[in-house]
Amino acid sequence: MEANLEIATLRVFLQVAELAHFSRAADELGLPKGRVSNIVRELEAQLGTRLFQRTTRRVSLTSDGELLAERARALLADVGEIEALFHQDRQLTGRLRVDMPARLAMARVVPVLPAFLAEHPGLQVELSCSDRRVDLVEEGFDCVLRVGAVHDPMLVARPLGRVSLMNAASPAYLAARGTPLSPEDLVTQGHELVHYSQTWADRRARFEWVDAAGREHGLALPARVGVNHTDAYEGAALAGLGIVQAPCVGLRAALADGRLVRVLPGYEPAPMPVHLVISQRRHTPRRVRVFMDWLAAQLAGYLDDDNPTPS
């Protein structure tokens, strides 16, 4: 027999899950503790599984409880969106789960996030910062800020702009190898790259550039160090481990104080597009649309900057 779950029951379950305590959940809900305990027991019986591990000291979700909590949060958020259709003046509520590169998050999003949350006190934000390509649907993200092309037909990509790339190395590295004036010098002077890749399956290190006619070129070069994170990428360049080809916006500080030097300015890769990505499979809740508009506004004027040094 199919389980017919009530919204009120799920609200009680989530309150216990969030507070990890039956008594505190009962106080928050204005219900007797015994009533809250009974609701959870009835829900476990209805689903035929244990949702909480209970000890005298703490309450924690089981693996099935974690699964239900994830789905219940999404369901209750959708219920809130349905109610909001008829109450447009009602404040936004629910959780936003977002992924974006750490550099963009720290430079443009986190510093102004308090103002966004103050404007929308009913929202909670889970901000994931990683260089890997997360699975938006499987991992339950509402939206993802992605640098690079988006090819998945099941995703809807909203273009925000682009980031320009530049070549850079440390002064000590260039003093040891020489400053290249052409791609040919990279070979004759014995230069190395720091290899950046989001997946270790890609082990080819190539120096890439676009010529004046828009043609793309690539030159295989040795790389004794490989990284999969932007902070490590810049750190390797600062340590003199090779040449990097990185976004201009991330290297401004190191260029300004001389820790890094721009090289081969006429031979740089094509700019990378930046998109806000959502799933085509799901209705986009109002809270997500509002956040995406806000995020686009925060990045306006920050992207599309071809000048890596401060004016």
Protein backbone atom coordinates (compact mmCIF):
# COMPACT_ATOMS: atom_id res chain seq x y z
CA MET A 1 0.00 0.00 0.00
CA GLU A 2 1.35 3.43 -0.94
CA ALA A 3 2.27 5.82 1.87
CA ASN A 4 0.07 8.93 1.92
CA LEU A 5 2.24 11.48 3.70
CA GLU A 6 0.77 14.63 5.19
CA ILE A 7 2.52 17.98 4.95
CA ALA A 8 2.04 18.60 8.67
CA THR A 9 3.75 15.29 9.49
CA LEU A 10 6.72 16.17 7.31
CA ARG A 11 7.02 19.56 9.02
CA VAL A 12 7.24 17.84 12.40
CA PHE A 13 9.79 15.34 11.10
CA LEU A 14 11.98 18.10 9.65
CA GLN A 15 11.82 20.15 12.85
CA VAL A 16 13.15 17.17 14.83
CA ALA A 17 15.79 16.57 12.14
CA GLU A 18 16.96 20.20 12.12
CA LEU A 19 17.16 20.51 15.93
CA ALA A 20 18.28 16.89 16.58
CA HIS A 21 16.06 16.99 19.65
CA PHE A 22 12.45 15.97 20.29
CA SER A 23 11.81 18.33 23.21
CA ARG A 24 13.21 21.37 21.44
CA ALA A 25 11.23 20.53 18.31
CA ALA A 26 8.07 20.25 20.40
CA ASP A 27 8.75 23.65 21.96
CA GLU A 28 9.31 25.25 18.56
CA LEU A 29 6.12 23.71 17.18
CA GLY A 30 4.03 24.43 20.28
CA LEU A 31 3.16 20.74 20.69
CA PRO A 32 3.52 18.31 23.60
CA LYS A 33 6.72 16.25 23.38
CA GLY A 34 4.69 13.04 23.49
CA ARG A 35 2.69 14.16 20.47
CA VAL A 36 5.86 14.88 18.47
CA SER A 37 7.31 11.47 19.40
CA ASN A 38 4.08 9.75 18.35
CA ILE A 39 4.00 11.56 15.00
CA VAL A 40 7.54 10.41 14.22
CA ARG A 41 6.82 6.83 15.33
CA GLU A 42 3.68 6.74 13.17
CA LEU A 43 5.67 8.08 10.22
CA GLU A 44 8.35 5.39 10.68
CA ALA A 45 5.65 2.71 10.85
CA GLN A 46 3.98 4.11 7.75
CA LEU A 47 7.23 4.05 5.79
CA GLY A 48 8.46 0.80 7.29
CA THR A 49 11.89 2.16 8.23
CA ARG A 50 13.71 3.84 11.10
CA LEU A 51 14.29 7.53 10.50
CA PHE A 52 16.22 8.46 13.66
CA GLN A 53 18.89 6.87 15.81
CA ARG A 54 17.90 7.68 19.39
CA THR A 55 20.16 7.65 22.44
CA THR A 56 19.80 9.27 25.86
CA ARG A 57 22.09 12.10 24.71
CA ARG A 58 21.27 12.79 21.07
CA VAL A 59 19.02 12.17 18.10
CA SER A 60 20.48 11.71 14.61
CA LEU A 61 19.09 10.80 11.21
CA THR A 62 19.59 7.35 9.74
CA SER A 63 20.52 7.01 6.07
CA ASP A 64 16.81 6.63 5.24
CA GLY A 65 16.09 9.64 7.43
CA GLU A 66 18.67 11.69 5.50
CA LEU A 67 17.02 10.68 2.24
CA LEU A 68 13.55 11.63 3.47
CA ALA A 69 14.80 14.92 4.91
CA GLU A 70 16.30 15.91 1.55
CA ARG A 71 13.09 15.15 -0.33
CA ALA A 72 10.87 16.66 2.36
CA ARG A 73 12.76 19.97 2.29
CA ALA A 74 12.32 20.18 -1.47
CA LEU A 75 8.63 19.24 -1.21
CA LEU A 76 7.87 21.79 1.50
CA ALA A 77 9.75 24.45 -0.43
CA ASP A 78 7.54 23.69 -3.45
CA VAL A 79 4.46 23.92 -1.23
CA GLY A 80 5.66 27.33 -0.14
CA GLU A 81 6.07 28.34 -3.79
CA ILE A 82 2.50 27.25 -4.56
CA GLU A 83 1.23 29.33 -1.66
CA ALA A 84 3.33 32.26 -2.85
CA LEU A 85 1.58 32.20 -6.22
CA PHE A 86 -1.47 33.53 -4.42
CA HIS A 87 0.40 35.67 -1.90
CA GLN A 88 3.00 37.58 -3.90
CA ASP A 89 3.62 39.92 -0.98
CA ARG A 90 4.64 37.02 1.26
CA GLN A 91 8.34 36.85 2.06
CA LEU A 92 10.51 34.19 0.43
CA THR A 93 11.17 31.11 2.53
CA GLY A 94 13.10 27.88 2.20
CA ARG A 95 16.58 26.72 1.42
CA LEU A 96 18.79 27.63 -1.54
CA ARG A 97 21.51 25.14 -2.47
CA VAL A 98 24.07 26.71 -4.80
CA ASP A 99 27.48 25.74 -6.17
CA MET A 100 30.07 28.13 -7.59
CA PRO A 101 33.86 28.51 -7.93
CA ALA A 102 35.49 29.47 -4.64
CA ARG A 103 37.27 32.52 -6.11
CA LEU A 104 34.05 34.10 -7.38
CA ALA A 105 32.26 33.23 -4.16
CA MET A 106 34.86 34.87 -1.94
CA ALA A 107 35.41 37.89 -4.17
CA ARG A 108 31.85 38.86 -5.08
CA VAL A 109 29.22 36.78 -3.30
CA VAL A 110 30.10 36.06 0.33
CA PRO A 111 30.92 39.72 1.21
CA VAL A 112 27.45 40.89 0.12
CA LEU A 113 25.48 37.81 1.18
CA PRO A 114 24.53 39.34 4.56
CA ALA A 115 22.58 42.09 2.76
CA PHE A 116 20.71 39.52 0.66
CA LEU A 117 19.78 37.47 3.74
CA ALA A 118 18.72 40.58 5.62
CA GLU A 119 16.37 41.42 2.75
CA HIS A 120 15.00 37.84 2.75
CA PRO A 121 15.08 36.63 6.39
CA GLY A 122 13.07 33.53 5.58
CA LEU A 123 15.77 32.09 3.28
CA GLN A 124 18.65 29.78 4.12
CA VAL A 125 21.64 29.45 1.76
CA GLU A 126 23.89 26.41 1.40
CA LEU A 127 26.92 27.56 -0.61
CA SER A 128 29.12 24.86 -2.09
CA CYS A 129 32.48 26.06 -3.42
CA SER A 130 34.38 23.62 -5.59
CA ASP A 131 36.19 23.40 -8.91
CA ARG A 132 34.66 20.07 -9.86
CA ARG A 133 31.60 19.86 -12.09
CA VAL A 134 28.81 18.93 -9.73
CA ASP A 135 25.76 16.98 -10.90
CA LEU A 136 23.05 19.59 -10.45
CA VAL A 137 20.15 17.12 -10.41
CA GLU A 138 21.67 14.19 -8.56
CA GLU A 139 23.24 16.38 -5.87
CA GLY A 140 20.16 18.51 -5.39
CA PHE A 141 21.47 21.95 -6.34
CA ASP A 142 18.98 24.69 -7.15
CA CYS A 143 21.44 26.48 -9.40
CA VAL A 144 25.11 26.36 -10.30
CA LEU A 145 27.47 29.13 -11.39
CA ARG A 146 29.59 27.47 -14.05
CA VAL A 147 32.68 28.77 -15.84
CA GLY A 148 33.09 27.17 -19.26
CA ALA A 149 30.80 25.80 -21.94
CA VAL A 150 27.55 24.04 -21.02
CA HIS A 151 26.64 21.17 -23.34
CA ASP A 152 24.07 19.15 -21.36
CA PRO A 153 20.65 19.46 -23.10
CA MET A 154 18.90 18.77 -19.78
CA LEU A 155 20.30 22.00 -18.32
CA VAL A 156 19.18 25.58 -18.93
CA ALA A 157 22.10 28.01 -19.01
CA ARG A 158 21.67 31.75 -18.43
CA PRO A 159 24.73 33.63 -19.78
CA LEU A 160 26.26 36.18 -17.41
CA GLY A 161 29.41 37.18 -19.28
CA ARG A 162 32.90 35.76 -19.58
CA VAL A 163 36.25 35.69 -17.83
CA SER A 164 39.42 36.58 -19.71
CA LEU A 165 42.49 34.39 -19.25
CA MET A 166 46.13 35.37 -19.03
CA ASN A 167 49.55 33.74 -18.82
CA ALA A 168 51.58 34.34 -15.67
CA ALA A 169 54.63 33.10 -13.82
CA SER A 170 56.70 34.13 -10.81
CA PRO A 171 59.71 36.47 -11.18
CA ALA A 172 62.00 33.74 -9.79
CA TYR A 173 60.78 31.23 -12.36
CA LEU A 174 61.33 33.69 -15.23
CA ALA A 175 64.77 34.61 -13.91
CA ALA A 176 65.75 30.94 -14.07
CA ARG A 177 64.19 30.07 -17.44
CA GLY A 178 64.03 33.39 -19.29
CA THR A 179 61.03 35.48 -20.35
CA PRO A 180 59.41 34.02 -23.49
CA LEU A 181 58.51 36.42 -26.29
CA SER A 182 56.85 33.83 -28.56
CA PRO A 183 55.42 30.33 -28.21
CA GLU A 184 58.61 28.99 -29.80
CA ASP A 185 60.57 30.38 -26.85
CA LEU A 186 58.55 28.14 -24.55
CA VAL A 187 60.31 25.19 -26.15
CA THR A 188 63.78 26.61 -26.72
CA GLN A 189 63.99 28.05 -23.19
CA GLY A 190 62.73 24.81 -21.62
CA HIS A 191 59.57 26.15 -19.98
CA GLU A 192 57.07 24.07 -18.00
CA LEU A 193 53.39 24.50 -17.27
CA VAL A 194 51.44 23.92 -14.10
CA HIS A 195 48.74 21.56 -15.34
CA TYR A 196 45.20 22.34 -14.21
CA SER A 197 42.43 19.79 -14.71
CA GLN A 198 39.09 19.14 -13.03
CA THR A 199 39.53 15.42 -13.70
CA TRP A 200 42.73 13.43 -13.47
CA ALA A 201 41.70 11.62 -16.66
CA ASP A 202 43.03 14.66 -18.57
CA ARG A 203 46.79 14.45 -18.15
CA ARG A 204 47.82 16.44 -21.23
CA ALA A 205 49.45 19.78 -20.50
CA ARG A 206 49.08 22.28 -23.35
CA PHE A 207 49.82 25.94 -23.73
CA GLU A 208 46.82 27.35 -25.61
CA TRP A 209 46.22 30.64 -27.38
CA VAL A 210 43.98 32.32 -29.96
CA ASP A 211 45.53 34.33 -32.78
CA ALA A 212 44.29 37.62 -34.24
CA ALA A 213 42.13 35.74 -36.74
CA GLY A 214 40.39 33.80 -33.96
CA ARG A 215 42.16 30.51 -34.69
CA GLU A 216 42.94 28.33 -31.69
CA HIS A 217 46.42 26.86 -31.20
CA GLY A 218 47.95 24.47 -28.72
CA LEU A 219 51.50 23.51 -27.82
CA ALA A 220 52.30 20.46 -25.70
CA LEU A 221 54.70 21.30 -22.87
CA PRO A 222 56.01 19.36 -19.89
CA ALA A 223 54.29 19.75 -16.53
CA ARG A 224 55.70 18.09 -13.44
CA VAL A 225 52.95 19.48 -11.20
CA GLY A 226 49.22 19.01 -11.72
CA VAL A 227 46.41 20.50 -9.62
CA ASN A 228 42.61 20.44 -9.60
CA HIS A 229 41.86 23.58 -7.58
CA THR A 230 42.29 27.26 -8.44
CA ASP A 231 43.98 28.13 -5.14
CA ALA A 232 46.57 25.40 -5.68
CA TYR A 233 46.98 26.56 -9.28
CA GLU A 234 47.92 30.09 -8.23
CA GLY A 235 49.99 28.74 -5.35
CA ALA A 236 52.03 26.60 -7.73
CA ALA A 237 52.72 29.64 -9.92
CA LEU A 238 53.78 31.69 -6.90
CA ALA A 239 56.11 28.87 -5.86
CA GLY A 240 57.86 29.03 -9.25
CA LEU A 241 56.64 25.65 -10.48
CA GLY A 242 55.72 26.83 -13.98
CA ILE A 243 53.52 29.01 -16.16
CA VAL A 244 49.78 29.15 -15.54
CA GLN A 245 46.91 30.22 -17.81
CA ALA A 246 44.31 31.50 -15.37
CA PRO A 247 41.43 34.01 -15.14
CA CYS A 248 42.62 37.60 -14.95
CA VAL A 249 40.21 38.43 -12.13
CA GLY A 250 41.83 35.86 -9.83
CA LEU A 251 45.40 37.04 -10.36
CA ARG A 252 44.96 40.80 -9.91
CA ALA A 253 46.42 40.99 -6.40
CA ALA A 254 49.48 38.88 -7.22
CA LEU A 255 50.13 40.95 -10.36
CA ALA A 256 49.70 44.25 -8.55
CA ASP A 257 52.29 43.47 -5.87
CA GLY A 258 54.73 41.81 -8.26
CA ARG A 259 54.45 38.25 -6.99
CA LEU A 260 53.43 37.21 -10.51
CA VAL A 261 54.33 38.61 -13.92
CA ARG A 262 52.20 38.52 -17.05
CA VAL A 263 53.94 36.77 -19.97
CA LEU A 264 53.15 36.41 -23.68
CA PRO A 265 50.23 38.89 -23.57
CA GLY A 266 49.62 38.43 -27.29
CA TYR A 267 49.23 34.67 -26.95
CA GLU A 268 46.41 33.96 -24.55
CA PRO A 269 43.46 31.52 -24.51
CA ALA A 270 39.95 32.48 -25.54
CA PRO A 271 37.80 33.93 -22.73
CA MET A 272 35.59 31.42 -20.94
CA PRO A 273 31.81 31.95 -20.75
CA VAL A 274 30.11 32.17 -17.36
CA HIS A 275 26.57 30.81 -16.90
CA LEU A 276 23.99 30.32 -14.21
CA VAL A 277 22.71 26.78 -14.74
CA ILE A 278 19.42 25.23 -13.62
CA SER A 279 17.72 21.94 -14.37
CA GLN A 280 15.28 21.72 -17.26
CA ARG A 281 13.41 18.97 -15.42
CA ARG A 282 12.18 21.09 -12.54
CA HIS A 283 10.03 24.13 -12.06
CA THR A 284 12.23 26.99 -10.88
CA PRO A 285 10.90 28.29 -7.56
CA ARG A 286 10.53 32.01 -7.04
CA ARG A 287 13.25 32.04 -4.37
CA VAL A 288 15.72 30.60 -6.91
CA ARG A 289 14.75 33.14 -9.59
CA VAL A 290 15.19 36.00 -7.12
CA PHE A 291 18.59 34.69 -6.04
CA MET A 292 19.74 34.26 -9.63
CA ASP A 293 18.76 37.84 -10.48
CA TRP A 294 20.60 39.08 -7.40
CA LEU A 295 23.69 37.01 -8.24
CA ALA A 296 23.74 38.29 -11.81
CA ALA A 297 23.67 41.85 -10.46
CA GLN A 298 26.62 41.15 -8.14
CA LEU A 299 28.73 39.88 -11.05
CA ALA A 300 27.84 42.72 -13.41
CA GLY A 301 30.97 44.75 -14.05
CA TYR A 302 33.20 42.04 -12.58
CA LEU A 303 33.22 39.77 -15.63
CA ASP A 304 34.40 40.67 -19.15
CA ASP A 305 37.47 42.45 -17.75
CA ASP A 306 40.43 42.15 -20.08
CA ASN A 307 42.75 44.26 -17.96
CA PRO A 308 44.38 42.13 -15.24
CA THR A 309 46.00 44.99 -13.36
CA PRO A 310 44.17 47.60 -11.29
CA SER A 311 43.84 51.04 -12.83
